[in-house]
Amino acid sequence: MFIAMNRFRINQGFEADFERLWRERESYLSDLDGFIAFRLLKGPDDGECRLYASHTTWATREDFEAWTQSDQFRKAHTQAKAPKGTYAGHPVFEGFEVVLEELKDAR
């Protein structure tokens, strides 16, 4: 498995707009082979900014990379227009190969 994350620092007062942008946009992720899950994570507030992370899980790194080259990726990201002043810097990408996973037994 491969986990792709982007960390965003969002200026105070723009949190609701940022969350709405993600809730209302069409992601097209379910159209892609290898897509497993998406989460938008809300982290701590440092007094100036709130930390968020987008977190997608893919079957393989190649599936993720195919997403980044797809028409679905381009369509999803053309919708991502946040109000000026939302971001405190550029998103920071982090990609991880899963080397160990432990899941709760569904019983």
N, C-alpha and C. Protein backbone atom coordinates (compact mmCIF):
# COMPACT_ATOMS: atom_id res chain seq x y z
N MET A 1 0.84 -1.18 0.00
CA MET A 1 0.00 0.00 0.00
C MET A 1 0.88 1.25 0.00
N PHE A 2 0.27 2.35 -0.43
CA PHE A 2 0.96 3.64 -0.46
C PHE A 2 0.01 4.69 0.11
N ILE A 3 0.54 5.54 0.99
CA ILE A 3 -0.23 6.63 1.57
C ILE A 3 0.35 7.95 1.08
N ALA A 4 -0.51 8.79 0.51
CA ALA A 4 -0.11 10.10 0.02
C ALA A 4 -0.78 11.17 0.88
N MET A 5 0.03 12.09 1.39
CA MET A 5 -0.51 13.14 2.25
C MET A 5 0.01 14.50 1.79
N ASN A 6 -0.87 15.47 1.85
CA ASN A 6 -0.49 16.86 1.68
C ASN A 6 -0.85 17.59 2.96
N ARG A 7 0.12 18.31 3.52
CA ARG A 7 -0.13 19.12 4.71
C ARG A 7 -0.37 20.56 4.28
N PHE A 8 -1.39 21.16 4.88
CA PHE A 8 -1.79 22.53 4.58
C PHE A 8 -1.81 23.33 5.88
N ARG A 9 -1.22 24.52 5.84
CA ARG A 9 -1.35 25.46 6.95
C ARG A 9 -2.36 26.51 6.49
N ILE A 10 -3.49 26.57 7.22
CA ILE A 10 -4.61 27.43 6.84
C ILE A 10 -4.71 28.58 7.84
N ASN A 11 -4.69 29.80 7.32
CA ASN A 11 -4.77 30.98 8.17
C ASN A 11 -6.07 31.00 8.97
N GLN A 12 -5.98 31.51 10.21
CA GLN A 12 -7.16 31.62 11.05
C GLN A 12 -8.25 32.40 10.33
N GLY A 13 -9.48 31.94 10.51
CA GLY A 13 -10.63 32.59 9.88
C GLY A 13 -11.00 32.00 8.53
N PHE A 14 -10.13 31.15 7.97
CA PHE A 14 -10.39 30.54 6.67
C PHE A 14 -10.70 29.05 6.77
N GLU A 15 -10.75 28.52 8.00
CA GLU A 15 -10.93 27.09 8.19
C GLU A 15 -12.25 26.58 7.59
N ALA A 16 -13.34 27.28 7.84
CA ALA A 16 -14.65 26.84 7.34
C ALA A 16 -14.68 26.83 5.81
N ASP A 17 -14.11 27.85 5.18
CA ASP A 17 -14.06 27.88 3.71
C ASP A 17 -13.23 26.73 3.16
N PHE A 18 -12.10 26.46 3.81
CA PHE A 18 -11.23 25.38 3.37
C PHE A 18 -11.95 24.03 3.48
N GLU A 19 -12.61 23.78 4.60
CA GLU A 19 -13.34 22.52 4.78
C GLU A 19 -14.49 22.41 3.79
N ARG A 20 -15.21 23.50 3.55
CA ARG A 20 -16.32 23.49 2.59
C ARG A 20 -15.83 23.17 1.19
N LEU A 21 -14.70 23.75 0.81
CA LEU A 21 -14.11 23.48 -0.50
C LEU A 21 -13.91 21.98 -0.70
N TRP A 22 -13.38 21.31 0.30
CA TRP A 22 -13.14 19.87 0.20
C TRP A 22 -14.43 19.08 0.21
N ARG A 23 -15.41 19.50 1.03
CA ARG A 23 -16.69 18.77 1.11
C ARG A 23 -17.47 18.86 -0.20
N GLU A 24 -17.41 20.00 -0.86
CA GLU A 24 -18.27 20.25 -2.01
C GLU A 24 -17.66 19.88 -3.34
N ARG A 25 -16.38 19.68 -3.41
CA ARG A 25 -15.77 19.37 -4.72
C ARG A 25 -15.92 17.89 -5.06
N GLU A 26 -15.97 17.61 -6.32
CA GLU A 26 -15.99 16.23 -6.82
C GLU A 26 -14.54 15.77 -6.90
N SER A 27 -14.21 14.67 -6.23
CA SER A 27 -12.81 14.24 -6.20
C SER A 27 -12.46 13.29 -7.34
N TYR A 28 -13.42 12.54 -7.84
CA TYR A 28 -13.20 11.55 -8.89
C TYR A 28 -12.29 10.40 -8.45
N LEU A 29 -11.96 10.33 -7.18
CA LEU A 29 -11.03 9.29 -6.71
C LEU A 29 -11.58 7.89 -6.92
N SER A 30 -12.87 7.70 -6.71
CA SER A 30 -13.43 6.36 -6.84
C SER A 30 -13.40 5.83 -8.26
N ASP A 31 -13.11 6.71 -9.23
CA ASP A 31 -12.99 6.28 -10.63
C ASP A 31 -11.66 5.57 -10.91
N LEU A 32 -10.69 5.69 -10.00
CA LEU A 32 -9.33 5.23 -10.26
C LEU A 32 -9.05 3.85 -9.70
N ASP A 33 -8.32 3.06 -10.47
CA ASP A 33 -7.85 1.76 -9.99
C ASP A 33 -6.89 1.98 -8.83
N GLY A 34 -7.03 1.17 -7.81
CA GLY A 34 -6.10 1.20 -6.70
C GLY A 34 -6.46 2.16 -5.58
N PHE A 35 -7.46 3.01 -5.79
CA PHE A 35 -7.87 3.94 -4.72
C PHE A 35 -8.55 3.15 -3.61
N ILE A 36 -8.15 3.42 -2.36
CA ILE A 36 -8.74 2.72 -1.22
C ILE A 36 -9.54 3.67 -0.33
N ALA A 37 -8.95 4.80 0.06
CA ALA A 37 -9.64 5.69 1.01
C ALA A 37 -9.09 7.10 0.93
N PHE A 38 -9.94 8.06 1.33
CA PHE A 38 -9.54 9.46 1.46
C PHE A 38 -10.00 9.96 2.82
N ARG A 39 -9.17 10.79 3.44
CA ARG A 39 -9.55 11.46 4.68
C ARG A 39 -8.98 12.88 4.64
N LEU A 40 -9.75 13.84 5.15
CA LEU A 40 -9.23 15.17 5.41
C LEU A 40 -9.09 15.28 6.91
N LEU A 41 -7.88 15.51 7.36
CA LEU A 41 -7.57 15.54 8.79
C LEU A 41 -7.40 16.98 9.27
N LYS A 42 -7.98 17.28 10.42
CA LYS A 42 -7.88 18.61 11.02
C LYS A 42 -6.97 18.50 12.23
N GLY A 43 -5.89 19.26 12.21
CA GLY A 43 -4.90 19.18 13.27
C GLY A 43 -4.94 20.37 14.21
N PRO A 44 -3.83 20.60 14.88
CA PRO A 44 -3.77 21.65 15.89
C PRO A 44 -3.74 23.05 15.28
N ASP A 45 -4.10 24.01 16.13
CA ASP A 45 -4.05 25.43 15.81
C ASP A 45 -2.88 26.00 16.61
N ASP A 46 -1.97 26.68 15.91
CA ASP A 46 -0.79 27.23 16.60
C ASP A 46 -0.95 28.70 16.97
N GLY A 47 -2.17 29.21 16.89
CA GLY A 47 -2.42 30.61 17.20
C GLY A 47 -2.44 31.50 15.97
N GLU A 48 -1.84 31.04 14.87
CA GLU A 48 -1.86 31.76 13.60
C GLU A 48 -2.54 30.95 12.50
N CYS A 49 -2.30 29.64 12.53
CA CYS A 49 -2.78 28.75 11.48
C CYS A 49 -3.31 27.46 12.07
N ARG A 50 -4.17 26.81 11.29
CA ARG A 50 -4.65 25.47 11.62
C ARG A 50 -3.98 24.52 10.65
N LEU A 51 -3.49 23.39 11.14
CA LEU A 51 -2.88 22.38 10.29
C LEU A 51 -3.94 21.40 9.81
N TYR A 52 -3.94 21.11 8.52
CA TYR A 52 -4.80 20.10 7.91
C TYR A 52 -3.91 19.16 7.10
N ALA A 53 -4.40 17.95 6.88
CA ALA A 53 -3.72 17.03 5.98
C ALA A 53 -4.75 16.28 5.16
N SER A 54 -4.53 16.20 3.85
CA SER A 54 -5.32 15.29 3.02
C SER A 54 -4.56 13.97 3.01
N HIS A 55 -5.28 12.88 3.14
CA HIS A 55 -4.67 11.56 3.35
C HIS A 55 -5.37 10.57 2.43
N THR A 56 -4.67 10.08 1.40
CA THR A 56 -5.26 9.07 0.53
C THR A 56 -4.45 7.79 0.64
N THR A 57 -5.16 6.68 0.60
CA THR A 57 -4.54 5.37 0.63
C THR A 57 -4.77 4.70 -0.72
N TRP A 58 -3.69 4.14 -1.26
CA TRP A 58 -3.70 3.52 -2.59
C TRP A 58 -3.14 2.11 -2.48
N ALA A 59 -3.54 1.24 -3.38
CA ALA A 59 -3.01 -0.12 -3.40
C ALA A 59 -1.50 -0.11 -3.65
N THR A 60 -1.04 0.78 -4.55
CA THR A 60 0.39 0.86 -4.87
C THR A 60 0.79 2.31 -5.14
N ARG A 61 2.08 2.56 -5.08
CA ARG A 61 2.60 3.89 -5.46
C ARG A 61 2.25 4.18 -6.92
N GLU A 62 2.32 3.16 -7.77
CA GLU A 62 2.00 3.33 -9.19
C GLU A 62 0.56 3.77 -9.40
N ASP A 63 -0.36 3.25 -8.58
CA ASP A 63 -1.76 3.69 -8.68
C ASP A 63 -1.88 5.17 -8.33
N PHE A 64 -1.18 5.59 -7.27
CA PHE A 64 -1.18 7.01 -6.91
C PHE A 64 -0.61 7.87 -8.03
N GLU A 65 0.53 7.45 -8.58
CA GLU A 65 1.16 8.21 -9.64
C GLU A 65 0.28 8.30 -10.88
N ALA A 66 -0.45 7.22 -11.17
CA ALA A 66 -1.40 7.25 -12.30
C ALA A 66 -2.49 8.29 -12.04
N TRP A 67 -2.95 8.39 -10.79
CA TRP A 67 -3.94 9.41 -10.41
C TRP A 67 -3.41 10.81 -10.72
N THR A 68 -2.16 11.07 -10.38
CA THR A 68 -1.61 12.42 -10.57
C THR A 68 -1.46 12.78 -12.05
N GLN A 69 -1.51 11.79 -12.94
CA GLN A 69 -1.39 12.04 -14.37
C GLN A 69 -2.74 11.95 -15.09
N SER A 70 -3.80 11.74 -14.33
CA SER A 70 -5.11 11.46 -14.93
C SER A 70 -5.93 12.72 -15.20
N ASP A 71 -6.93 12.56 -16.08
CA ASP A 71 -7.90 13.62 -16.32
C ASP A 71 -8.71 13.90 -15.05
N GLN A 72 -8.98 12.85 -14.27
CA GLN A 72 -9.73 13.03 -13.02
C GLN A 72 -8.97 13.95 -12.06
N PHE A 73 -7.65 13.78 -11.99
CA PHE A 73 -6.82 14.64 -11.14
C PHE A 73 -6.94 16.09 -11.59
N ARG A 74 -6.81 16.33 -12.88
CA ARG A 74 -6.90 17.69 -13.40
C ARG A 74 -8.28 18.30 -13.13
N LYS A 75 -9.33 17.51 -13.33
CA LYS A 75 -10.68 18.02 -13.09
C LYS A 75 -10.88 18.36 -11.61
N ALA A 76 -10.44 17.49 -10.73
CA ALA A 76 -10.61 17.71 -9.29
C ALA A 76 -9.86 18.95 -8.83
N HIS A 77 -8.66 19.16 -9.36
CA HIS A 77 -7.84 20.26 -8.89
C HIS A 77 -8.20 21.61 -9.53
N THR A 78 -8.92 21.61 -10.63
CA THR A 78 -9.37 22.89 -11.18
C THR A 78 -10.51 23.46 -10.32
N GLN A 79 -11.16 22.62 -9.53
CA GLN A 79 -12.22 23.07 -8.64
C GLN A 79 -11.68 23.66 -7.34
N ALA A 80 -10.43 23.44 -7.04
CA ALA A 80 -9.83 23.75 -5.73
C ALA A 80 -9.40 25.21 -5.62
N LYS A 81 -10.31 26.11 -5.82
CA LYS A 81 -10.00 27.54 -5.74
C LYS A 81 -10.44 28.08 -4.37
N ALA A 82 -9.48 28.29 -3.50
CA ALA A 82 -9.77 28.82 -2.16
C ALA A 82 -9.69 30.35 -2.20
N PRO A 83 -10.42 31.01 -1.32
CA PRO A 83 -10.33 32.47 -1.25
C PRO A 83 -8.90 32.93 -0.97
N LYS A 84 -8.52 34.06 -1.53
CA LYS A 84 -7.19 34.63 -1.31
C LYS A 84 -6.95 34.80 0.18
N GLY A 85 -5.78 34.41 0.64
CA GLY A 85 -5.43 34.52 2.05
C GLY A 85 -5.67 33.26 2.85
N THR A 86 -6.22 32.21 2.20
CA THR A 86 -6.51 30.97 2.90
C THR A 86 -5.24 30.26 3.36
N TYR A 87 -4.29 30.13 2.45
CA TYR A 87 -3.10 29.31 2.70
C TYR A 87 -1.96 30.13 3.29
N ALA A 88 -1.30 29.57 4.30
CA ALA A 88 -0.09 30.16 4.86
C ALA A 88 1.09 29.38 4.29
N GLY A 89 1.31 29.52 2.99
CA GLY A 89 2.38 28.78 2.32
C GLY A 89 1.84 27.68 1.44
N HIS A 90 2.75 27.03 0.73
CA HIS A 90 2.38 25.96 -0.18
C HIS A 90 2.12 24.66 0.57
N PRO A 91 1.25 23.78 0.04
CA PRO A 91 1.08 22.46 0.64
C PRO A 91 2.40 21.70 0.62
N VAL A 92 2.56 20.82 1.59
CA VAL A 92 3.76 19.99 1.68
C VAL A 92 3.35 18.54 1.45
N PHE A 93 3.88 17.92 0.38
CA PHE A 93 3.55 16.54 0.05
C PHE A 93 4.47 15.58 0.80
N GLU A 94 3.88 14.47 1.27
CA GLU A 94 4.62 13.39 1.88
C GLU A 94 4.02 12.08 1.39
N GLY A 95 4.85 11.17 0.89
CA GLY A 95 4.39 9.87 0.41
C GLY A 95 5.06 8.77 1.20
N PHE A 96 4.30 7.74 1.55
CA PHE A 96 4.79 6.67 2.39
C PHE A 96 4.41 5.30 1.84
N GLU A 97 5.38 4.40 1.77
CA GLU A 97 5.11 3.00 1.51
C GLU A 97 4.72 2.36 2.84
N VAL A 98 3.64 1.60 2.86
CA VAL A 98 3.23 0.92 4.09
C VAL A 98 4.09 -0.33 4.25
N VAL A 99 4.80 -0.41 5.36
CA VAL A 99 5.66 -1.57 5.62
C VAL A 99 5.06 -2.48 6.69
N LEU A 100 4.10 -1.96 7.45
CA LEU A 100 3.44 -2.76 8.49
C LEU A 100 2.06 -2.18 8.71
N GLU A 101 1.09 -3.06 8.85
CA GLU A 101 -0.28 -2.62 9.10
C GLU A 101 -0.91 -3.55 10.12
N GLU A 102 -1.64 -2.99 11.06
CA GLU A 102 -2.36 -3.79 12.04
C GLU A 102 -3.80 -3.28 12.05
N LEU A 103 -4.75 -4.18 11.85
CA LEU A 103 -6.17 -3.81 11.82
C LEU A 103 -6.90 -4.53 12.93
N LYS A 104 -7.92 -3.89 13.44
CA LYS A 104 -8.77 -4.51 14.44
C LYS A 104 -9.57 -5.61 13.78
N ASP A 105 -9.64 -6.74 14.42
CA ASP A 105 -10.42 -7.87 13.93
C ASP A 105 -11.90 -7.47 13.90
N ALA A 106 -12.57 -7.70 12.79
CA ALA A 106 -13.97 -7.29 12.60
C ALA A 106 -14.97 -8.12 13.40
N ARG A 107 -14.52 -9.15 14.08
CA ARG A 107 -15.46 -10.01 14.85
C ARG A 107 -16.08 -9.32 16.00
